[in-house]
N, C-alpha and C. Protein backbone atom coordinates (compact mmCIF):
# COMPACT_ATOMS: atom_id res chain seq x y z
N UNK A 1 47.21 36.44 89.94
CA UNK A 1 47.98 37.32 90.84
C UNK A 1 49.36 36.73 91.08
N UNK A 2 50.20 36.83 90.11
CA UNK A 2 51.52 36.21 90.25
C UNK A 2 52.63 37.21 90.46
N UNK A 3 52.22 38.48 90.69
CA UNK A 3 53.26 39.51 90.87
C UNK A 3 54.01 39.28 92.16
N UNK A 4 55.28 39.67 92.15
CA UNK A 4 56.10 39.54 93.35
C UNK A 4 56.11 40.84 94.13
N UNK A 5 56.12 40.70 95.46
CA UNK A 5 56.19 41.87 96.33
C UNK A 5 57.58 41.93 96.94
N UNK A 6 58.20 43.05 96.88
CA UNK A 6 59.54 43.16 97.44
C UNK A 6 59.44 43.55 98.90
N UNK A 7 60.06 42.73 99.78
CA UNK A 7 60.11 43.05 101.20
C UNK A 7 61.48 43.62 101.46
N UNK A 8 61.57 44.91 101.84
CA UNK A 8 62.84 45.59 101.81
C UNK A 8 63.28 46.10 103.17
N UNK A 9 64.58 46.07 103.42
CA UNK A 9 65.16 46.74 104.57
C UNK A 9 66.25 47.64 104.04
N UNK A 10 66.00 48.87 103.74
CA UNK A 10 66.86 49.92 103.26
C UNK A 10 67.80 49.62 102.11
N UNK A 11 67.49 50.07 100.92
CA UNK A 11 68.39 49.98 99.77
C UNK A 11 67.69 50.38 98.52
N UNK A 12 67.82 49.64 97.42
CA UNK A 12 67.23 50.07 96.16
C UNK A 12 66.15 49.10 95.74
N UNK A 13 65.07 49.55 95.12
CA UNK A 13 64.13 48.60 94.55
C UNK A 13 63.96 48.88 93.08
N UNK A 14 63.29 49.97 92.71
CA UNK A 14 62.99 50.12 91.30
C UNK A 14 63.52 51.43 90.77
N UNK A 15 63.51 51.58 89.42
CA UNK A 15 64.13 52.74 88.79
C UNK A 15 63.40 54.03 89.03
N UNK A 16 62.37 54.09 89.84
CA UNK A 16 61.67 55.35 90.06
C UNK A 16 61.99 55.94 91.42
N UNK A 17 62.14 55.13 92.41
CA UNK A 17 62.31 55.63 93.75
C UNK A 17 63.67 56.20 94.02
N UNK A 18 64.52 56.25 93.05
CA UNK A 18 65.88 56.71 93.28
C UNK A 18 65.97 58.06 93.91
N UNK A 19 65.08 58.98 93.56
CA UNK A 19 65.20 60.33 94.08
C UNK A 19 63.98 60.77 94.83
N UNK A 20 63.15 59.84 95.29
CA UNK A 20 61.95 60.26 96.00
C UNK A 20 61.68 59.34 97.15
N UNK A 21 61.47 59.91 98.34
CA UNK A 21 61.05 59.13 99.48
C UNK A 21 60.73 60.05 100.61
N UNK A 22 59.71 59.68 101.39
CA UNK A 22 59.38 60.45 102.58
C UNK A 22 60.17 59.92 103.74
N UNK A 23 59.92 60.43 104.95
CA UNK A 23 60.71 60.02 106.11
C UNK A 23 60.36 58.62 106.55
N UNK A 24 61.31 57.74 106.52
CA UNK A 24 61.12 56.40 107.04
C UNK A 24 62.27 56.10 107.97
N UNK A 25 62.75 57.12 108.65
CA UNK A 25 63.97 57.00 109.41
C UNK A 25 65.09 57.53 108.55
N UNK A 26 66.31 57.06 108.78
CA UNK A 26 67.45 57.48 107.97
C UNK A 26 67.38 56.84 106.61
N UNK A 27 67.78 57.57 105.55
CA UNK A 27 67.81 57.01 104.21
C UNK A 27 69.22 56.64 103.82
N UNK A 28 70.07 56.37 104.80
CA UNK A 28 71.46 56.07 104.51
C UNK A 28 71.82 54.63 104.83
N UNK A 29 70.80 53.79 105.07
CA UNK A 29 71.07 52.42 105.46
C UNK A 29 71.13 51.51 104.24
N UNK A 30 71.49 50.24 104.47
CA UNK A 30 71.48 49.24 103.41
C UNK A 30 70.18 48.46 103.49
N UNK A 31 69.70 47.98 102.33
CA UNK A 31 68.43 47.27 102.29
C UNK A 31 68.66 45.79 102.03
N UNK A 32 67.94 44.99 102.78
CA UNK A 32 67.93 43.56 102.52
C UNK A 32 66.54 43.24 102.01
N UNK A 33 66.45 42.46 100.93
CA UNK A 33 65.14 42.24 100.33
C UNK A 33 64.87 40.75 100.18
N UNK A 34 63.58 40.45 100.23
CA UNK A 34 63.13 39.08 100.03
C UNK A 34 61.85 39.14 99.22
N UNK A 35 61.75 38.35 98.15
CA UNK A 35 60.55 38.34 97.33
C UNK A 35 59.46 37.54 98.02
N UNK A 36 58.24 38.06 98.01
CA UNK A 36 57.11 37.40 98.64
C UNK A 36 56.02 37.22 97.59
N UNK A 37 55.50 36.01 97.39
CA UNK A 37 54.45 35.81 96.39
C UNK A 37 53.24 36.66 96.72
N UNK A 38 52.61 37.21 95.69
CA UNK A 38 51.46 38.08 95.90
C UNK A 38 50.32 37.34 96.58
N UNK A 39 50.24 36.03 96.38
CA UNK A 39 49.13 35.29 96.97
C UNK A 39 49.20 35.29 98.49
N UNK A 40 50.35 35.58 99.06
CA UNK A 40 50.47 35.61 100.51
C UNK A 40 49.94 36.90 101.11
N UNK A 41 49.57 37.87 100.27
CA UNK A 41 49.06 39.15 100.73
C UNK A 41 47.58 39.22 100.43
N UNK A 42 46.78 39.89 101.29
CA UNK A 42 45.35 40.03 101.00
C UNK A 42 45.13 40.85 99.75
N UNK A 43 44.26 40.38 98.86
CA UNK A 43 44.07 41.05 97.59
C UNK A 43 43.35 42.36 97.73
N UNK A 44 42.42 42.47 98.67
CA UNK A 44 41.66 43.70 98.92
C UNK A 44 40.83 44.11 97.72
N UNK A 45 40.73 43.25 96.69
CA UNK A 45 39.91 43.55 95.52
C UNK A 45 40.24 44.88 94.88
N UNK A 46 41.51 45.26 94.88
CA UNK A 46 41.91 46.53 94.27
C UNK A 46 42.85 46.24 93.11
N UNK A 47 42.34 46.22 91.87
CA UNK A 47 43.20 45.92 90.72
C UNK A 47 44.11 47.07 90.39
N UNK A 48 45.25 46.73 89.83
CA UNK A 48 46.16 47.78 89.37
C UNK A 48 45.70 48.28 88.02
N UNK A 49 45.93 49.55 87.75
CA UNK A 49 45.62 50.12 86.45
C UNK A 49 46.89 50.71 85.88
N UNK A 50 47.23 50.32 84.66
CA UNK A 50 48.47 50.79 84.06
C UNK A 50 49.24 49.61 83.51
N UNK A 51 50.43 49.86 83.04
CA UNK A 51 51.28 48.81 82.51
C UNK A 51 52.61 48.87 83.22
N UNK A 52 53.35 47.76 83.26
CA UNK A 52 54.64 47.79 83.95
C UNK A 52 55.57 48.82 83.33
N UNK A 53 56.27 49.56 84.16
CA UNK A 53 57.26 50.51 83.65
C UNK A 53 58.41 49.74 83.03
N UNK A 54 59.19 50.41 82.19
CA UNK A 54 60.22 49.73 81.43
C UNK A 54 61.22 49.01 82.32
N UNK A 55 61.56 49.63 83.43
CA UNK A 55 62.57 49.04 84.31
C UNK A 55 61.94 48.52 85.58
N UNK A 56 60.69 48.02 85.49
CA UNK A 56 59.95 47.64 86.69
C UNK A 56 60.33 46.30 87.25
N UNK A 57 61.55 46.09 87.62
CA UNK A 57 61.99 44.87 88.27
C UNK A 57 61.84 45.05 89.76
N UNK A 58 60.99 44.22 90.40
CA UNK A 58 60.72 44.42 91.81
C UNK A 58 61.69 43.68 92.72
N UNK A 59 62.77 43.20 92.18
CA UNK A 59 63.78 42.58 93.03
C UNK A 59 64.74 43.66 93.53
N UNK A 60 64.99 43.64 94.82
CA UNK A 60 65.87 44.65 95.38
C UNK A 60 67.31 44.16 95.36
N UNK A 61 68.23 45.08 95.30
CA UNK A 61 69.64 44.75 95.37
C UNK A 61 70.14 45.11 96.76
N UNK A 62 70.69 44.16 97.43
CA UNK A 62 71.10 44.38 98.82
C UNK A 62 72.41 45.13 98.90
N UNK A 63 72.63 45.73 100.06
CA UNK A 63 73.89 46.39 100.39
C UNK A 63 74.24 47.50 99.41
N UNK A 64 73.26 48.26 98.98
CA UNK A 64 73.51 49.40 98.10
C UNK A 64 73.22 50.68 98.84
N UNK A 65 74.22 51.54 99.07
CA UNK A 65 73.97 52.78 99.82
C UNK A 65 73.15 53.74 98.99
N UNK A 66 72.30 54.52 99.65
CA UNK A 66 71.50 55.53 98.96
C UNK A 66 71.60 56.83 99.71
N UNK A 67 71.20 57.92 99.04
CA UNK A 67 71.28 59.24 99.63
C UNK A 67 69.98 59.57 100.35
N UNK A 68 70.03 60.56 101.23
CA UNK A 68 68.83 61.02 101.91
C UNK A 68 67.90 61.66 100.90
N UNK A 69 66.57 61.43 101.09
CA UNK A 69 65.62 61.94 100.14
C UNK A 69 64.59 62.83 100.81
N UNK A 70 63.48 63.14 100.05
CA UNK A 70 62.54 64.16 100.48
C UNK A 70 61.60 63.73 101.59
N UNK A 71 60.63 64.61 101.89
CA UNK A 71 59.71 64.45 102.99
C UNK A 71 58.30 64.59 102.48
N UNK A 72 57.41 63.61 102.78
CA UNK A 72 56.04 63.69 102.31
C UNK A 72 55.03 63.66 103.42
N UNK A 73 55.39 64.00 104.64
CA UNK A 73 54.49 63.85 105.77
C UNK A 73 53.35 64.83 105.77
N UNK A 74 53.43 65.93 105.04
CA UNK A 74 52.37 66.92 105.08
C UNK A 74 51.30 66.66 104.03
N UNK A 75 51.34 65.51 103.37
CA UNK A 75 50.33 65.17 102.39
C UNK A 75 50.58 65.78 101.03
N UNK A 76 51.75 66.36 100.82
CA UNK A 76 52.12 66.88 99.51
C UNK A 76 53.26 66.05 98.97
N UNK A 77 53.59 66.30 97.73
CA UNK A 77 54.66 65.52 97.11
C UNK A 77 55.96 65.76 97.84
N UNK A 78 56.68 64.68 98.15
CA UNK A 78 57.98 64.81 98.79
C UNK A 78 59.00 65.29 97.79
N UNK A 79 59.76 66.32 98.11
CA UNK A 79 60.77 66.85 97.21
C UNK A 79 62.11 66.18 97.48
N UNK A 80 62.76 65.62 96.46
CA UNK A 80 64.05 64.95 96.68
C UNK A 80 65.11 65.94 97.12
N UNK A 81 65.83 65.59 98.18
CA UNK A 81 66.89 66.47 98.69
C UNK A 81 68.09 66.45 97.75
N UNK A 82 68.42 65.28 97.24
CA UNK A 82 69.52 65.17 96.28
C UNK A 82 69.34 63.88 95.50
N UNK A 83 70.02 63.78 94.39
CA UNK A 83 69.89 62.60 93.54
C UNK A 83 70.54 61.40 94.20
N UNK A 84 69.83 60.28 94.24
CA UNK A 84 70.40 59.08 94.82
C UNK A 84 71.42 58.48 93.87
N UNK A 85 72.29 57.64 94.42
CA UNK A 85 73.32 57.04 93.59
C UNK A 85 72.75 56.00 92.65
N UNK A 86 71.57 55.49 92.98
CA UNK A 86 70.97 54.47 92.14
C UNK A 86 69.64 54.97 91.62
N UNK A 87 69.25 54.48 90.46
CA UNK A 87 67.99 54.89 89.89
C UNK A 87 66.88 54.01 90.44
N UNK A 88 65.64 54.47 90.27
CA UNK A 88 64.52 53.67 90.73
C UNK A 88 63.60 54.47 91.61
N UNK A 89 62.32 54.07 91.67
CA UNK A 89 61.35 54.76 92.51
C UNK A 89 61.64 54.49 93.97
N UNK A 90 62.02 53.28 94.29
CA UNK A 90 62.31 52.92 95.67
C UNK A 90 63.81 53.00 95.87
N UNK A 91 64.24 53.93 96.68
CA UNK A 91 65.68 54.06 96.87
C UNK A 91 66.08 53.44 98.19
N UNK A 92 65.82 54.14 99.30
CA UNK A 92 66.13 53.61 100.61
C UNK A 92 64.92 53.75 101.47
N UNK A 93 64.71 52.83 102.36
CA UNK A 93 63.49 52.85 103.15
C UNK A 93 63.76 53.01 104.63
N UNK A 94 64.95 53.46 104.99
CA UNK A 94 65.19 53.81 106.37
C UNK A 94 65.70 52.67 107.23
N UNK A 95 66.07 53.02 108.43
CA UNK A 95 66.63 52.09 109.39
C UNK A 95 65.62 51.00 109.72
N UNK A 96 66.01 49.75 109.47
CA UNK A 96 65.18 48.58 109.75
C UNK A 96 63.74 48.77 109.30
N UNK A 97 63.55 49.35 108.14
CA UNK A 97 62.21 49.52 107.59
C UNK A 97 61.92 48.41 106.60
N UNK A 98 60.81 47.68 106.81
CA UNK A 98 60.42 46.62 105.89
C UNK A 98 59.39 47.17 104.92
N UNK A 99 59.49 46.79 103.65
CA UNK A 99 58.58 47.29 102.62
C UNK A 99 57.97 46.13 101.84
N UNK A 100 56.68 46.19 101.64
CA UNK A 100 55.95 45.24 100.81
C UNK A 100 55.40 46.03 99.63
N UNK A 101 55.99 45.85 98.47
CA UNK A 101 55.71 46.72 97.33
C UNK A 101 55.14 45.97 96.14
N UNK A 102 54.21 46.61 95.47
CA UNK A 102 53.69 46.09 94.23
C UNK A 102 54.62 46.47 93.09
N UNK A 103 54.26 46.11 91.87
CA UNK A 103 55.10 46.42 90.71
C UNK A 103 55.07 47.90 90.37
N UNK A 104 56.11 48.35 89.71
CA UNK A 104 56.12 49.72 89.19
C UNK A 104 55.28 49.75 87.92
N UNK A 105 54.33 50.69 87.87
CA UNK A 105 53.41 50.78 86.74
C UNK A 105 53.56 52.12 86.04
N UNK A 106 53.13 52.15 84.78
CA UNK A 106 53.15 53.39 84.01
C UNK A 106 51.87 53.49 83.19
N UNK A 107 51.32 54.70 83.09
CA UNK A 107 50.12 54.92 82.28
C UNK A 107 50.51 55.50 80.93
N UNK A 108 49.66 55.36 79.92
CA UNK A 108 49.95 55.95 78.61
C UNK A 108 50.12 57.46 78.67
N UNK A 109 49.50 58.09 79.67
CA UNK A 109 49.58 59.55 79.79
C UNK A 109 50.91 60.04 80.35
N UNK A 110 51.69 59.14 80.92
CA UNK A 110 53.00 59.54 81.42
C UNK A 110 53.18 59.53 82.92
N UNK A 111 52.27 58.88 83.65
CA UNK A 111 52.41 58.75 85.10
C UNK A 111 53.07 57.41 85.41
N UNK A 112 54.08 57.42 86.25
CA UNK A 112 54.72 56.20 86.74
C UNK A 112 54.57 56.16 88.25
N UNK A 113 54.30 54.99 88.80
CA UNK A 113 54.11 54.90 90.25
C UNK A 113 54.39 53.50 90.76
N UNK A 114 54.76 53.45 92.03
CA UNK A 114 54.91 52.19 92.74
C UNK A 114 54.49 52.43 94.18
N UNK A 115 53.68 51.52 94.72
CA UNK A 115 53.08 51.72 96.04
C UNK A 115 53.54 50.62 96.99
N UNK A 116 53.82 51.01 98.23
CA UNK A 116 54.35 50.09 99.23
C UNK A 116 53.62 50.24 100.56
N UNK A 117 53.62 49.16 101.33
CA UNK A 117 53.28 49.20 102.75
C UNK A 117 54.59 49.11 103.50
N UNK A 118 54.85 50.08 104.36
CA UNK A 118 56.10 50.13 105.13
C UNK A 118 55.82 49.83 106.59
N UNK A 119 56.75 49.18 107.24
CA UNK A 119 56.64 48.93 108.68
C UNK A 119 58.00 49.11 109.32
N UNK A 120 57.97 49.72 110.49
CA UNK A 120 59.19 49.98 111.25
C UNK A 120 58.83 49.95 112.72
N UNK A 121 59.46 49.06 113.46
CA UNK A 121 59.11 48.94 114.87
C UNK A 121 57.66 48.54 115.02
N UNK A 122 56.89 49.36 115.75
CA UNK A 122 55.47 49.08 115.96
C UNK A 122 54.56 49.80 114.98
N UNK A 123 55.13 50.51 114.03
CA UNK A 123 54.34 51.35 113.13
C UNK A 123 54.24 50.77 111.72
N UNK A 124 53.11 51.05 111.09
CA UNK A 124 52.88 50.67 109.69
C UNK A 124 52.26 51.86 108.97
N UNK A 125 52.66 52.09 107.71
CA UNK A 125 52.08 53.17 106.92
C UNK A 125 52.25 52.84 105.44
N UNK A 126 51.62 53.63 104.59
CA UNK A 126 51.69 53.43 103.15
C UNK A 126 52.45 54.58 102.50
N UNK A 127 53.14 54.26 101.42
CA UNK A 127 53.84 55.29 100.65
C UNK A 127 53.76 54.92 99.17
N UNK A 128 53.55 55.92 98.34
CA UNK A 128 53.61 55.71 96.89
C UNK A 128 54.67 56.62 96.30
N UNK A 129 55.48 56.05 95.44
CA UNK A 129 56.52 56.79 94.72
C UNK A 129 56.02 57.03 93.30
N UNK A 130 56.30 58.19 92.75
CA UNK A 130 55.76 58.48 91.43
C UNK A 130 56.67 59.41 90.64
N UNK A 131 56.42 59.45 89.34
CA UNK A 131 56.98 60.48 88.46
C UNK A 131 55.84 60.92 87.55
N UNK A 132 55.62 62.22 87.48
CA UNK A 132 54.50 62.76 86.71
C UNK A 132 55.00 63.44 85.45
N UNK A 133 54.89 62.74 84.34
CA UNK A 133 55.33 63.30 83.07
C UNK A 133 54.18 63.71 82.17
N UNK A 134 53.02 64.02 82.77
CA UNK A 134 51.85 64.37 81.98
C UNK A 134 51.86 65.81 81.49
N UNK A 135 52.68 66.65 82.11
CA UNK A 135 52.70 68.06 81.74
C UNK A 135 51.75 68.92 82.55
N UNK A 136 51.06 68.34 83.53
CA UNK A 136 50.17 69.10 84.39
C UNK A 136 50.14 68.48 85.78
N UNK A 137 49.75 69.30 86.76
CA UNK A 137 49.65 68.81 88.13
C UNK A 137 48.49 67.84 88.24
N UNK A 138 48.69 66.76 88.98
CA UNK A 138 47.66 65.76 89.21
C UNK A 138 47.29 65.71 90.68
N UNK A 139 46.26 64.96 90.99
CA UNK A 139 45.91 64.69 92.38
C UNK A 139 46.04 63.20 92.61
N UNK A 140 46.39 62.83 93.83
CA UNK A 140 46.53 61.42 94.18
C UNK A 140 45.82 61.15 95.50
N UNK A 141 45.22 59.99 95.61
CA UNK A 141 44.62 59.54 96.86
C UNK A 141 45.30 58.22 97.23
N UNK A 142 45.95 58.20 98.38
CA UNK A 142 46.66 57.02 98.86
C UNK A 142 45.90 56.45 100.05
N UNK A 143 45.57 55.16 99.99
CA UNK A 143 44.78 54.52 101.04
C UNK A 143 45.54 53.32 101.61
N UNK A 144 45.64 53.27 102.93
CA UNK A 144 46.21 52.13 103.65
C UNK A 144 45.06 51.33 104.24
N UNK A 145 45.01 50.03 103.97
CA UNK A 145 43.94 49.16 104.45
C UNK A 145 44.51 48.14 105.43
N UNK A 146 43.95 48.12 106.64
CA UNK A 146 44.44 47.23 107.68
C UNK A 146 43.62 45.97 107.80
N UNK A 147 44.12 44.99 108.57
CA UNK A 147 43.43 43.71 108.70
C UNK A 147 42.12 43.79 109.45
N UNK A 148 41.92 44.85 110.23
CA UNK A 148 40.70 45.00 111.02
C UNK A 148 39.65 45.83 110.30
N UNK A 149 39.85 46.10 109.02
CA UNK A 149 38.91 46.91 108.27
C UNK A 149 39.16 48.40 108.37
N UNK A 150 40.13 48.79 109.15
CA UNK A 150 40.45 50.20 109.30
C UNK A 150 41.20 50.70 108.07
N UNK A 151 40.87 51.91 107.63
CA UNK A 151 41.57 52.52 106.50
C UNK A 151 42.09 53.90 106.88
N UNK A 152 43.23 54.25 106.32
CA UNK A 152 43.81 55.58 106.49
C UNK A 152 44.03 56.14 105.10
N UNK A 153 43.61 57.38 104.86
CA UNK A 153 43.68 57.95 103.52
C UNK A 153 44.40 59.28 103.53
N UNK A 154 45.17 59.53 102.48
CA UNK A 154 45.89 60.79 102.33
C UNK A 154 45.69 61.31 100.90
N UNK A 155 45.36 62.61 100.80
CA UNK A 155 45.23 63.27 99.50
C UNK A 155 46.51 64.07 99.25
N UNK A 156 47.08 63.91 98.08
CA UNK A 156 48.34 64.58 97.77
C UNK A 156 48.27 65.30 96.43
N UNK A 157 48.92 66.45 96.35
CA UNK A 157 49.11 67.15 95.08
C UNK A 157 50.37 66.59 94.43
N UNK A 158 50.28 66.26 93.16
CA UNK A 158 51.38 65.62 92.43
C UNK A 158 51.91 66.61 91.40
N UNK A 159 53.04 67.23 91.70
CA UNK A 159 53.62 68.21 90.79
C UNK A 159 54.09 67.55 89.50
N UNK A 160 54.02 68.30 88.42
CA UNK A 160 54.50 67.81 87.13
C UNK A 160 56.01 67.96 87.06
N UNK A 161 56.68 67.01 86.42
CA UNK A 161 58.12 67.11 86.26
C UNK A 161 58.78 65.76 86.16
N UNK A 162 60.06 65.78 85.80
CA UNK A 162 60.82 64.54 85.64
C UNK A 162 61.34 63.99 86.96
N UNK A 163 61.38 64.83 88.00
CA UNK A 163 61.90 64.37 89.28
C UNK A 163 60.87 63.49 90.00
N UNK A 164 61.30 62.36 90.55
CA UNK A 164 60.38 61.51 91.31
C UNK A 164 59.91 62.21 92.58
N UNK A 165 58.74 61.84 93.05
CA UNK A 165 58.19 62.37 94.29
C UNK A 165 57.58 61.24 95.10
N UNK A 166 57.06 61.57 96.28
CA UNK A 166 56.47 60.56 97.14
C UNK A 166 55.32 61.15 97.93
N UNK A 167 54.35 60.31 98.24
CA UNK A 167 53.21 60.67 99.07
C UNK A 167 53.03 59.54 100.07
N UNK A 168 52.75 59.85 101.33
CA UNK A 168 52.57 58.79 102.31
C UNK A 168 51.48 59.13 103.30
N UNK A 169 50.93 58.09 103.91
CA UNK A 169 49.92 58.25 104.95
C UNK A 169 50.61 58.44 106.30
N UNK A 170 49.90 58.93 107.30
CA UNK A 170 50.47 58.97 108.65
C UNK A 170 50.76 57.55 109.13
N UNK A 171 51.71 57.43 110.02
CA UNK A 171 52.00 56.13 110.62
C UNK A 171 50.93 55.80 111.65
N UNK A 172 50.65 54.50 111.79
CA UNK A 172 49.74 54.07 112.84
C UNK A 172 50.30 52.80 113.48
N UNK A 173 49.86 52.53 114.70
CA UNK A 173 50.33 51.35 115.40
C UNK A 173 49.87 50.10 114.66
N UNK A 174 50.79 49.19 114.42
CA UNK A 174 50.49 47.98 113.67
C UNK A 174 49.52 47.09 114.44
N UNK A 175 48.46 46.68 113.77
CA UNK A 175 47.48 45.76 114.35
C UNK A 175 47.68 44.39 113.70
N UNK A 176 48.21 43.44 114.43
CA UNK A 176 48.49 42.14 113.85
C UNK A 176 49.80 42.15 113.10
N UNK A 177 49.85 41.41 111.99
CA UNK A 177 51.07 41.30 111.20
C UNK A 177 51.10 42.35 110.10
N UNK A 178 52.26 42.96 109.85
CA UNK A 178 52.37 43.96 108.77
C UNK A 178 51.95 43.39 107.41
N UNK A 179 52.17 42.07 107.21
CA UNK A 179 51.83 41.45 105.94
C UNK A 179 50.34 41.46 105.66
N UNK A 180 49.53 41.72 106.69
CA UNK A 180 48.08 41.75 106.51
C UNK A 180 47.59 43.09 105.97
N UNK A 181 48.49 44.06 105.83
CA UNK A 181 48.13 45.38 105.32
C UNK A 181 48.31 45.43 103.80
N UNK A 182 47.55 46.32 103.18
CA UNK A 182 47.74 46.60 101.75
C UNK A 182 47.47 48.07 101.51
N UNK A 183 47.91 48.56 100.36
CA UNK A 183 47.75 49.98 100.04
C UNK A 183 47.46 50.14 98.56
N UNK A 184 46.77 51.23 98.23
CA UNK A 184 46.50 51.54 96.83
C UNK A 184 46.57 53.05 96.64
N UNK A 185 47.16 53.46 95.53
CA UNK A 185 47.24 54.89 95.18
C UNK A 185 46.54 55.09 93.85
N UNK A 186 45.71 56.14 93.79
CA UNK A 186 44.97 56.46 92.57
C UNK A 186 45.36 57.86 92.12
N UNK A 187 45.78 57.97 90.87
CA UNK A 187 46.21 59.25 90.30
C UNK A 187 45.18 59.72 89.29
N UNK A 188 44.75 60.99 89.43
CA UNK A 188 43.71 61.53 88.55
C UNK A 188 44.14 62.85 87.97
N UNK A 189 43.56 63.19 86.82
CA UNK A 189 43.83 64.46 86.16
C UNK A 189 43.16 65.59 86.92
N UNK A 190 43.53 66.84 86.63
CA UNK A 190 42.93 67.98 87.34
C UNK A 190 41.43 68.07 87.09
N UNK A 191 40.74 68.76 88.01
CA UNK A 191 39.30 68.96 87.87
C UNK A 191 39.02 69.96 86.76
N UNK A 192 37.77 69.97 86.29
CA UNK A 192 37.35 70.99 85.33
C UNK A 192 37.44 72.36 85.97
N UNK A 193 37.38 73.38 85.15
CA UNK A 193 37.49 74.75 85.63
C UNK A 193 36.42 75.07 86.66
N UNK A 194 35.23 74.46 86.52
CA UNK A 194 34.17 74.75 87.48
C UNK A 194 34.30 73.94 88.76
N UNK A 195 35.33 73.06 88.81
CA UNK A 195 35.59 72.30 90.03
C UNK A 195 34.59 71.21 90.30
N UNK A 196 33.79 70.84 89.30
CA UNK A 196 32.78 69.80 89.50
C UNK A 196 33.45 68.48 89.81
N UNK A 197 32.75 67.66 90.60
CA UNK A 197 33.29 66.37 90.98
C UNK A 197 32.26 65.29 90.76
N UNK A 198 32.73 64.10 90.50
CA UNK A 198 31.84 62.98 90.27
C UNK A 198 32.59 61.69 90.48
N UNK A 199 32.42 60.74 89.57
CA UNK A 199 33.10 59.47 89.71
C UNK A 199 34.58 59.61 89.38
N UNK A 200 35.35 58.63 89.83
CA UNK A 200 36.79 58.61 89.56
C UNK A 200 37.45 59.91 90.00
N UNK A 201 37.27 60.24 91.28
CA UNK A 201 37.87 61.42 91.89
C UNK A 201 37.32 62.71 91.29
N UNK A 202 36.19 62.67 90.64
CA UNK A 202 35.58 63.90 90.15
C UNK A 202 35.36 63.89 88.66
N UNK A 203 34.23 64.43 88.25
CA UNK A 203 33.94 64.57 86.83
C UNK A 203 34.98 65.48 86.21
N UNK A 204 35.45 65.12 85.04
CA UNK A 204 36.51 65.90 84.43
C UNK A 204 37.87 65.55 85.00
N UNK A 205 37.92 64.57 85.92
CA UNK A 205 39.18 64.14 86.51
C UNK A 205 39.32 62.64 86.31
N UNK A 206 39.57 62.21 85.11
CA UNK A 206 39.64 60.77 84.84
C UNK A 206 40.79 60.11 85.57
N UNK A 207 40.56 58.87 85.96
CA UNK A 207 41.61 58.08 86.59
C UNK A 207 42.70 57.77 85.57
N UNK A 208 43.93 58.12 85.89
CA UNK A 208 45.04 57.86 84.99
C UNK A 208 45.81 56.60 85.36
N UNK A 209 45.91 56.33 86.66
CA UNK A 209 46.71 55.18 87.09
C UNK A 209 46.27 54.76 88.48
N UNK A 210 46.19 53.44 88.68
CA UNK A 210 45.96 52.88 90.02
C UNK A 210 47.12 51.94 90.32
N UNK A 211 47.78 52.17 91.42
CA UNK A 211 48.96 51.39 91.79
C UNK A 211 48.74 50.77 93.16
N UNK A 212 48.87 49.44 93.26
CA UNK A 212 48.65 48.75 94.52
C UNK A 212 49.91 48.13 95.08
N UNK A 213 49.92 47.91 96.39
CA UNK A 213 51.09 47.32 97.04
C UNK A 213 51.19 45.83 96.78
N UNK A 214 50.12 45.20 96.37
CA UNK A 214 50.15 43.76 96.15
C UNK A 214 49.34 43.36 94.94
N UNK A 215 49.22 44.26 93.96
CA UNK A 215 48.41 43.97 92.78
C UNK A 215 49.29 43.65 91.59
N UNK A 216 48.87 42.70 90.79
CA UNK A 216 49.61 42.37 89.57
C UNK A 216 49.38 43.45 88.54
N UNK A 217 50.37 43.72 87.68
CA UNK A 217 50.18 44.73 86.65
C UNK A 217 49.08 44.34 85.68
N UNK A 218 48.32 45.35 85.24
CA UNK A 218 47.25 45.09 84.28
C UNK A 218 47.44 45.99 83.07
N UNK A 219 47.06 45.52 81.92
CA UNK A 219 47.18 46.34 80.73
C UNK A 219 46.06 47.35 80.69
N UNK A 220 46.28 48.44 79.97
CA UNK A 220 45.27 49.48 79.89
C UNK A 220 45.59 50.57 80.87
N UNK A 221 44.75 51.64 80.92
CA UNK A 221 45.02 52.76 81.79
C UNK A 221 43.94 52.92 82.82
């Protein structure tokens, strides 16, 4: 587990989040980032599935202005309001918002994602940034895991297209240190016509990508 986690205060992180983000306060602030070794975060036994995206550098660039982006609070994909000045899944994370992010991953089927735990003031929540190039709508399940064993889960519809999107959990009052939280997002293909469900988010709905906030990239899908 040697992956680095980017701890961010408003700015740019990776080439996917450039045009996708839910509400984390204002998206017009500058981000200050610090790399944190993955070993300092609880592993939660959730491996990443996928391979690093081509531009998956998890180091943030400080003092880079970004544009306001979309909203994902209703559990659906956040629609980008306008193109950010910088590329990447993580663009801006709001006023004094700290982010602990795993690596940007990509699946052979064309899904790219990066998942973060965000904290602002007394609140902590999870957000995953994605781009769905599979040619069909997918489903995603985003889970925030707290230090007290509490979990918060959000189901999101992931529209197909080249534009990045975002899905996030509701905010909750931080219990302990934000660094004790972790998050994982699982992306699956659509269900069969009969709507049957089984393992991996449903029979006929194979897991395409698993993206964690503190998981090292793994080969395979």
